[in-house]
Amino acid sequence: MPVRRPFTQDLIEAGWRSRGYLPHFDGGEISQFITFRLKDSLPQTVLERWRQELKRPGGEAMLRRRVEVYLDQGYGSLWLKEPGVASIVQNALLYHDGARYRLTAWVVMPNHVHLLATPREDHTLDAIMHSIKSYTASEANKLLRRKGAFWQEEYFDRYIRDAKHYAQTVAYIENNPVKAGLCHTPAEWPFSSARFRTQN
């Protein structure tokens, strides 16, 4: 079983927390790049093997890159490829924009979701993600006439360091469908902020 690094009081007060195996930064009104994925999009055995292989400085970033590449290959049930399900997720992301968080960019891919959001005062990233995932799982399962876990429990989050990182993250998110070979331009993908930008 992997050894988890204990979280000190200093780290907790700075906004770091741990739930499961991934550390999360919940530092208030700081922009966060978040990725969450379908339950069956990446076998747990593969993820555990990568974690063991990457137990070294910089390993978390390398793990994140491996996961991104794997997800873009389109493994798993791909429930988010169903337009009705993708619409449920996109509408849920937009619903609390301005109230619980400021949503800057997003994309709903066939087996995962990326978003760039800034939590508003009195709203934690953990609570925001729980709300989004809980609601969308319930509604998607109804539409798909299925039961059981929909999303992987954990999610990846990375706080934005500066203006350059912010711009790079928006570009990464909106270009993801192009990189995965799903369309030719970001604006062609119907479930993304790039599409919304061209329509407004």
C-alpha atoms as a PDB file:
ATOM      1  CA  MET A   1       0.000   0.000   0.000  1.00  0.00           C
ATOM      2  CA  PRO A   2       1.398   3.448  -0.915  1.00  0.00           C
ATOM      3  CA  VAL A   3       2.685   5.580   1.945  1.00  0.00           C
ATOM      4  CA  ARG A   4       0.895   8.903   2.166  1.00  0.00           C
ATOM      5  CA  ARG A   5       2.875  11.970   3.185  1.00  0.00           C
ATOM      6  CA  PRO A   6       1.378  13.379   6.401  1.00  0.00           C
ATOM      7  CA  PHE A   7      -0.108  16.837   6.063  1.00  0.00           C
ATOM      8  CA  THR A   8       1.317  19.281   8.606  1.00  0.00           C
ATOM      9  CA  GLN A   9      -0.717  22.096  10.159  1.00  0.00           C
ATOM     10  CA  ASP A  10       1.295  24.616   8.093  1.00  0.00           C
ATOM     11  CA  LEU A  11       0.298  22.898   4.843  1.00  0.00           C
ATOM     12  CA  ILE A  12      -3.344  22.702   5.907  1.00  0.00           C
ATOM     13  CA  GLU A  13      -3.430  26.395   6.806  1.00  0.00           C
ATOM     14  CA  ALA A  14      -1.857  27.243   3.427  1.00  0.00           C
ATOM     15  CA  GLY A  15      -4.719  25.488   1.648  1.00  0.00           C
ATOM     16  CA  TRP A  16      -3.271  22.038   0.955  1.00  0.00           C
ATOM     17  CA  ARG A  17      -5.298  18.954   1.820  1.00  0.00           C
ATOM     18  CA  SER A  18      -5.315  15.291   0.945  1.00  0.00           C
ATOM     19  CA  ARG A  19      -8.239  13.026   0.151  1.00  0.00           C
ATOM     20  CA  GLY A  20      -7.229   9.671  -1.240  1.00  0.00           C
ATOM     21  CA  TYR A  21      -3.829   9.685  -2.925  1.00  0.00           C
ATOM     22  CA  LEU A  22      -3.719  13.087  -4.612  1.00  0.00           C
ATOM     23  CA  PRO A  23      -2.818  16.316  -2.795  1.00  0.00           C
ATOM     24  CA  HIS A  24      -5.210  19.194  -3.482  1.00  0.00           C
ATOM     25  CA  PHE A  25      -4.771  22.925  -3.090  1.00  0.00           C
ATOM     26  CA  ASP A  26      -7.852  24.720  -1.780  1.00  0.00           C
ATOM     27  CA  GLY A  27      -6.443  28.203  -1.298  1.00  0.00           C
ATOM     28  CA  GLY A  28      -9.556  30.332  -1.661  1.00  0.00           C
ATOM     29  CA  GLU A  29      -9.981  32.631  -4.650  1.00  0.00           C
ATOM     30  CA  ILE A  30      -7.087  31.221  -6.678  1.00  0.00           C
ATOM     31  CA  SER A  31      -7.664  29.956 -10.222  1.00  0.00           C
ATOM     32  CA  GLN A  32      -7.452  26.186 -10.532  1.00  0.00           C
ATOM     33  CA  PHE A  33      -6.960  23.885 -13.528  1.00  0.00           C
ATOM     34  CA  ILE A  34      -9.099  20.826 -12.777  1.00  0.00           C
ATOM     35  CA  THR A  35      -9.436  17.476 -14.540  1.00  0.00           C
ATOM     36  CA  PHE A  36     -11.972  14.834 -13.599  1.00  0.00           C
ATOM     37  CA  ARG A  37     -12.728  11.618 -15.434  1.00  0.00           C
ATOM     38  CA  LEU A  38     -15.162   8.761 -15.867  1.00  0.00           C
ATOM     39  CA  LYS A  39     -14.829   5.837 -13.480  1.00  0.00           C
ATOM     40  CA  ASP A  40     -13.667   3.377 -16.156  1.00  0.00           C
ATOM     41  CA  SER A  41     -11.484   5.729 -18.214  1.00  0.00           C
ATOM     42  CA  LEU A  42      -8.198   4.563 -16.676  1.00  0.00           C
ATOM     43  CA  PRO A  43      -7.696   1.179 -14.968  1.00  0.00           C
ATOM     44  CA  GLN A  44      -6.696   1.545 -11.336  1.00  0.00           C
ATOM     45  CA  THR A  45      -3.924  -1.018 -11.814  1.00  0.00           C
ATOM     46  CA  VAL A  46      -2.307   1.178 -14.498  1.00  0.00           C
ATOM     47  CA  LEU A  47      -2.576   4.271 -12.318  1.00  0.00           C
ATOM     48  CA  GLU A  48      -1.050   2.467  -9.316  1.00  0.00           C
ATOM     49  CA  ARG A  49       1.841   1.164 -11.447  1.00  0.00           C
ATOM     50  CA  TRP A  50       2.560   4.705 -12.684  1.00  0.00           C
ATOM     51  CA  ARG A  51       2.444   6.050  -9.129  1.00  0.00           C
ATOM     52  CA  GLN A  52       5.020   3.480  -8.062  1.00  0.00           C
ATOM     53  CA  GLU A  53       7.237   4.252 -11.061  1.00  0.00           C
ATOM     54  CA  LEU A  54       7.043   8.021 -10.480  1.00  0.00           C
ATOM     55  CA  LYS A  55       7.829   8.186  -6.758  1.00  0.00           C
ATOM     56  CA  ARG A  56      10.438  10.912  -7.106  1.00  0.00           C
ATOM     57  CA  PRO A  57      10.667  14.707  -7.311  1.00  0.00           C
ATOM     58  CA  GLY A  58       8.563  15.943 -10.197  1.00  0.00           C
ATOM     59  CA  GLY A  59       6.663  12.666 -10.307  1.00  0.00           C
ATOM     60  CA  GLU A  60       3.248  14.279  -9.799  1.00  0.00           C
ATOM     61  CA  ALA A  61       3.632  16.397 -12.957  1.00  0.00           C
ATOM     62  CA  MET A  62       4.812  13.378 -14.947  1.00  0.00           C
ATOM     63  CA  LEU A  63       1.868  11.338 -13.668  1.00  0.00           C
ATOM     64  CA  ARG A  64      -0.539  14.078 -14.724  1.00  0.00           C
ATOM     65  CA  ARG A  65       0.965  14.113 -18.247  1.00  0.00           C
ATOM     66  CA  ARG A  66       0.698  10.318 -18.564  1.00  0.00           C
ATOM     67  CA  VAL A  67      -2.933  10.423 -17.467  1.00  0.00           C
ATOM     68  CA  GLU A  68      -3.719  13.182 -20.008  1.00  0.00           C
ATOM     69  CA  VAL A  69      -2.160  11.229 -22.879  1.00  0.00           C
ATOM     70  CA  TYR A  70      -3.977   8.058 -21.848  1.00  0.00           C
ATOM     71  CA  LEU A  71      -7.352   9.794 -21.540  1.00  0.00           C
ATOM     72  CA  ASP A  72      -7.014  11.411 -24.971  1.00  0.00           C
ATOM     73  CA  GLN A  73      -6.747   7.952 -26.517  1.00  0.00           C
ATOM     74  CA  GLY A  74     -10.408   7.446 -25.620  1.00  0.00           C
ATOM     75  CA  TYR A  75     -10.525   4.391 -23.368  1.00  0.00           C
ATOM     76  CA  GLY A  76     -13.503   3.294 -21.307  1.00  0.00           C
ATOM     77  CA  SER A  77     -17.226   3.613 -21.834  1.00  0.00           C
ATOM     78  CA  LEU A  78     -17.012   7.154 -23.287  1.00  0.00           C
ATOM     79  CA  TRP A  79     -20.416   8.116 -21.854  1.00  0.00           C
ATOM     80  CA  LEU A  80     -19.552  11.803 -22.348  1.00  0.00           C
ATOM     81  CA  LYS A  81     -19.523  11.215 -26.109  1.00  0.00           C
ATOM     82  CA  GLU A  82     -23.323  11.048 -25.877  1.00  0.00           C
ATOM     83  CA  PRO A  83     -24.486  14.643 -26.605  1.00  0.00           C
ATOM     84  CA  GLY A  84     -27.209  14.505 -23.963  1.00  0.00           C
ATOM     85  CA  VAL A  85     -24.733  13.509 -21.264  1.00  0.00           C
ATOM     86  CA  ALA A  86     -22.143  16.070 -22.398  1.00  0.00           C
ATOM     87  CA  SER A  87     -24.858  18.748 -22.284  1.00  0.00           C
ATOM     88  CA  ILE A  88     -25.749  17.796 -18.713  1.00  0.00           C
ATOM     89  CA  VAL A  89     -22.108  18.266 -17.677  1.00  0.00           C
ATOM     90  CA  GLN A  90     -21.604  21.507 -19.600  1.00  0.00           C
ATOM     91  CA  ASN A  91     -24.838  23.015 -18.259  1.00  0.00           C
ATOM     92  CA  ALA A  92     -23.883  22.017 -14.711  1.00  0.00           C
ATOM     93  CA  LEU A  93     -20.513  23.775 -15.085  1.00  0.00           C
ATOM     94  CA  LEU A  94     -22.255  26.919 -16.332  1.00  0.00           C
ATOM     95  CA  TYR A  95     -25.038  26.865 -13.734  1.00  0.00           C
ATOM     96  CA  HIS A  96     -22.987  28.123 -10.754  1.00  0.00           C
ATOM     97  CA  ASP A  97     -20.629  30.320 -12.782  1.00  0.00           C
ATOM     98  CA  GLY A  98     -20.540  33.681 -11.036  1.00  0.00           C
ATOM     99  CA  ALA A  99     -22.064  32.360  -7.815  1.00  0.00           C
ATOM    100  CA  ARG A 100     -19.787  29.576  -6.505  1.00  0.00           C
ATOM    101  CA  TYR A 101     -16.901  30.152  -8.906  1.00  0.00           C
ATOM    102  CA  ARG A 102     -15.794  32.107 -11.970  1.00  0.00           C
ATOM    103  CA  LEU A 103     -15.562  29.722 -14.909  1.00  0.00           C
ATOM    104  CA  THR A 104     -12.978  30.788 -17.488  1.00  0.00           C
ATOM    105  CA  ALA A 105     -12.569  27.751 -19.741  1.00  0.00           C
ATOM    106  CA  TRP A 106     -13.864  24.196 -20.010  1.00  0.00           C
ATOM    107  CA  VAL A 107     -14.109  21.218 -22.320  1.00  0.00           C
ATOM    108  CA  VAL A 108     -16.176  18.042 -22.004  1.00  0.00           C
ATOM    109  CA  MET A 109     -14.236  15.238 -23.692  1.00  0.00           C
ATOM    110  CA  PRO A 110     -15.562  11.685 -24.303  1.00  0.00           C
ATOM    111  CA  ASN A 111     -14.145  10.335 -21.024  1.00  0.00           C
ATOM    112  CA  HIS A 112     -12.980  13.368 -19.006  1.00  0.00           C
ATOM    113  CA  VAL A 113     -13.555  17.052 -18.302  1.00  0.00           C
ATOM    114  CA  HIS A 114     -11.121  19.960 -17.972  1.00  0.00           C
ATOM    115  CA  LEU A 115     -12.010  23.298 -16.459  1.00  0.00           C
ATOM    116  CA  LEU A 116     -10.330  26.478 -15.312  1.00  0.00           C
ATOM    117  CA  ALA A 117     -12.250  28.039 -12.462  1.00  0.00           C
ATOM    118  CA  THR A 118     -11.699  30.396  -9.550  1.00  0.00           C
ATOM    119  CA  PRO A 119     -13.678  29.575  -6.392  1.00  0.00           C
ATOM    120  CA  ARG A 120     -15.627  32.497  -4.950  1.00  0.00           C
ATOM    121  CA  GLU A 121     -15.369  33.514  -1.318  1.00  0.00           C
ATOM    122  CA  ASP A 122     -16.843  30.933   1.076  1.00  0.00           C
ATOM    123  CA  HIS A 123     -16.810  28.144  -1.561  1.00  0.00           C
ATOM    124  CA  THR A 124     -14.112  25.472  -1.385  1.00  0.00           C
ATOM    125  CA  LEU A 125     -12.853  23.567  -4.395  1.00  0.00           C
ATOM    126  CA  ASP A 126     -13.722  20.289  -2.693  1.00  0.00           C
ATOM    127  CA  ALA A 127     -17.364  21.344  -2.158  1.00  0.00           C
ATOM    128  CA  ILE A 128     -17.633  22.695  -5.716  1.00  0.00           C
ATOM    129  CA  MET A 129     -16.333  19.467  -7.225  1.00  0.00           C
ATOM    130  CA  HIS A 130     -18.537  17.306  -5.018  1.00  0.00           C
ATOM    131  CA  SER A 131     -21.608  19.268  -6.109  1.00  0.00           C
ATOM    132  CA  ILE A 132     -20.771  19.115  -9.831  1.00  0.00           C
ATOM    133  CA  LYS A 133     -19.898  15.434  -9.825  1.00  0.00           C
ATOM    134  CA  SER A 134     -22.801  14.345  -7.648  1.00  0.00           C
ATOM    135  CA  TYR A 135     -25.437  16.159  -9.706  1.00  0.00           C
ATOM    136  CA  THR A 136     -24.040  15.192 -13.105  1.00  0.00           C
ATOM    137  CA  ALA A 137     -23.583  11.538 -12.108  1.00  0.00           C
ATOM    138  CA  SER A 138     -27.197  11.305 -11.008  1.00  0.00           C
ATOM    139  CA  GLU A 139     -28.579  12.999 -14.133  1.00  0.00           C
ATOM    140  CA  ALA A 140     -26.298  11.111 -16.538  1.00  0.00           C
ATOM    141  CA  ASN A 141     -27.188   7.758 -14.982  1.00  0.00           C
ATOM    142  CA  LYS A 142     -30.881   8.557 -15.432  1.00  0.00           C
ATOM    143  CA  LEU A 143     -30.356   9.435 -19.081  1.00  0.00           C
ATOM    144  CA  LEU A 144     -28.209   6.352 -19.708  1.00  0.00           C
ATOM    145  CA  ARG A 145     -30.597   4.110 -17.711  1.00  0.00           C
ATOM    146  CA  ARG A 146     -27.778   2.793 -15.614  1.00  0.00           C
ATOM    147  CA  LYS A 147     -26.734   2.622 -11.954  1.00  0.00           C
ATOM    148  CA  GLY A 148     -23.423   2.720 -10.187  1.00  0.00           C
ATOM    149  CA  ALA A 149     -20.366   4.918 -10.014  1.00  0.00           C
ATOM    150  CA  PHE A 150     -20.071   7.366 -12.891  1.00  0.00           C
ATOM    151  CA  TRP A 151     -17.019   9.493 -12.045  1.00  0.00           C
ATOM    152  CA  GLN A 152     -13.658   8.478 -10.618  1.00  0.00           C
ATOM    153  CA  GLU A 153     -13.668   9.733  -7.017  1.00  0.00           C
ATOM    154  CA  GLU A 154     -10.410  11.677  -7.258  1.00  0.00           C
ATOM    155  CA  TYR A 155      -9.667  14.609  -9.523  1.00  0.00           C
ATOM    156  CA  PHE A 156      -6.503  16.455 -10.495  1.00  0.00           C
ATOM    157  CA  ASP A 157      -6.185  20.137  -9.639  1.00  0.00           C
ATOM    158  CA  ARG A 158      -3.346  22.560 -10.191  1.00  0.00           C
ATOM    159  CA  TYR A 159      -3.372  26.170  -9.081  1.00  0.00           C
ATOM    160  CA  ILE A 160      -2.461  28.834 -11.619  1.00  0.00           C
ATOM    161  CA  ARG A 161       0.883  30.534 -10.956  1.00  0.00           C
ATOM    162  CA  ASP A 162       0.739  33.642 -13.134  1.00  0.00           C
ATOM    163  CA  ALA A 163      -0.786  35.283 -16.231  1.00  0.00           C
ATOM    164  CA  LYS A 164       1.308  33.208 -18.647  1.00  0.00           C
ATOM    165  CA  HIS A 165       0.284  29.954 -16.963  1.00  0.00           C
ATOM    166  CA  TYR A 166      -3.356  31.147 -17.064  1.00  0.00           C
ATOM    167  CA  ALA A 167      -3.231  31.781 -20.830  1.00  0.00           C
ATOM    168  CA  GLN A 168      -1.438  28.478 -21.476  1.00  0.00           C
ATOM    169  CA  THR A 169      -4.085  26.619 -19.481  1.00  0.00           C
ATOM    170  CA  VAL A 170      -6.973  28.183 -21.421  1.00  0.00           C
ATOM    171  CA  ALA A 171      -5.249  27.249 -24.693  1.00  0.00           C
ATOM    172  CA  TYR A 172      -4.557  23.700 -23.465  1.00  0.00           C
ATOM    173  CA  ILE A 173      -8.160  23.145 -22.388  1.00  0.00           C
ATOM    174  CA  GLU A 174      -9.743  24.527 -25.545  1.00  0.00           C
ATOM    175  CA  ASN A 175      -7.290  22.748 -27.868  1.00  0.00           C
ATOM    176  CA  ASN A 176      -7.772  19.341 -26.221  1.00  0.00           C
ATOM    177  CA  PRO A 177     -10.382  18.061 -28.746  1.00  0.00           C
ATOM    178  CA  VAL A 178      -8.099  19.062 -31.641  1.00  0.00           C
ATOM    179  CA  LYS A 179      -5.101  17.338 -30.034  1.00  0.00           C
ATOM    180  CA  ALA A 180      -7.209  14.206 -29.518  1.00  0.00           C
ATOM    181  CA  GLY A 181      -8.244  14.209 -33.211  1.00  0.00           C
ATOM    182  CA  LEU A 182     -11.924  14.900 -32.534  1.00  0.00           C
ATOM    183  CA  CYS A 183     -12.146  18.102 -34.622  1.00  0.00           C
ATOM    184  CA  HIS A 184     -10.001  20.492 -36.677  1.00  0.00           C
ATOM    185  CA  THR A 185     -10.410  23.707 -34.671  1.00  0.00           C
ATOM    186  CA  PRO A 186     -11.290  24.321 -31.002  1.00  0.00           C
ATOM    187  CA  ALA A 187     -14.488  26.183 -31.916  1.00  0.00           C
ATOM    188  CA  GLU A 188     -15.851  23.116 -33.746  1.00  0.00           C
ATOM    189  CA  TRP A 189     -16.186  21.147 -30.503  1.00  0.00           C
ATOM    190  CA  PRO A 190     -19.719  21.754 -29.167  1.00  0.00           C
ATOM    191  CA  PHE A 191     -18.946  21.216 -25.491  1.00  0.00           C
ATOM    192  CA  SER A 192     -16.277  23.802 -24.762  1.00  0.00           C
ATOM    193  CA  SER A 193     -15.670  27.429 -23.914  1.00  0.00           C
ATOM    194  CA  ALA A 194     -14.041  27.910 -27.350  1.00  0.00           C
ATOM    195  CA  ARG A 195     -17.389  27.223 -29.007  1.00  0.00           C
ATOM    196  CA  PHE A 196     -19.163  29.631 -26.633  1.00  0.00           C
ATOM    197  CA  ARG A 197     -16.619  32.366 -27.365  1.00  0.00           C
ATOM    198  CA  THR A 198     -17.298  32.202 -31.113  1.00  0.00           C
ATOM    199  CA  GLN A 199     -21.072  32.326 -30.595  1.00  0.00           C
ATOM    200  CA  ASN A 200     -21.017  35.452 -28.404  1.00  0.00           C
END
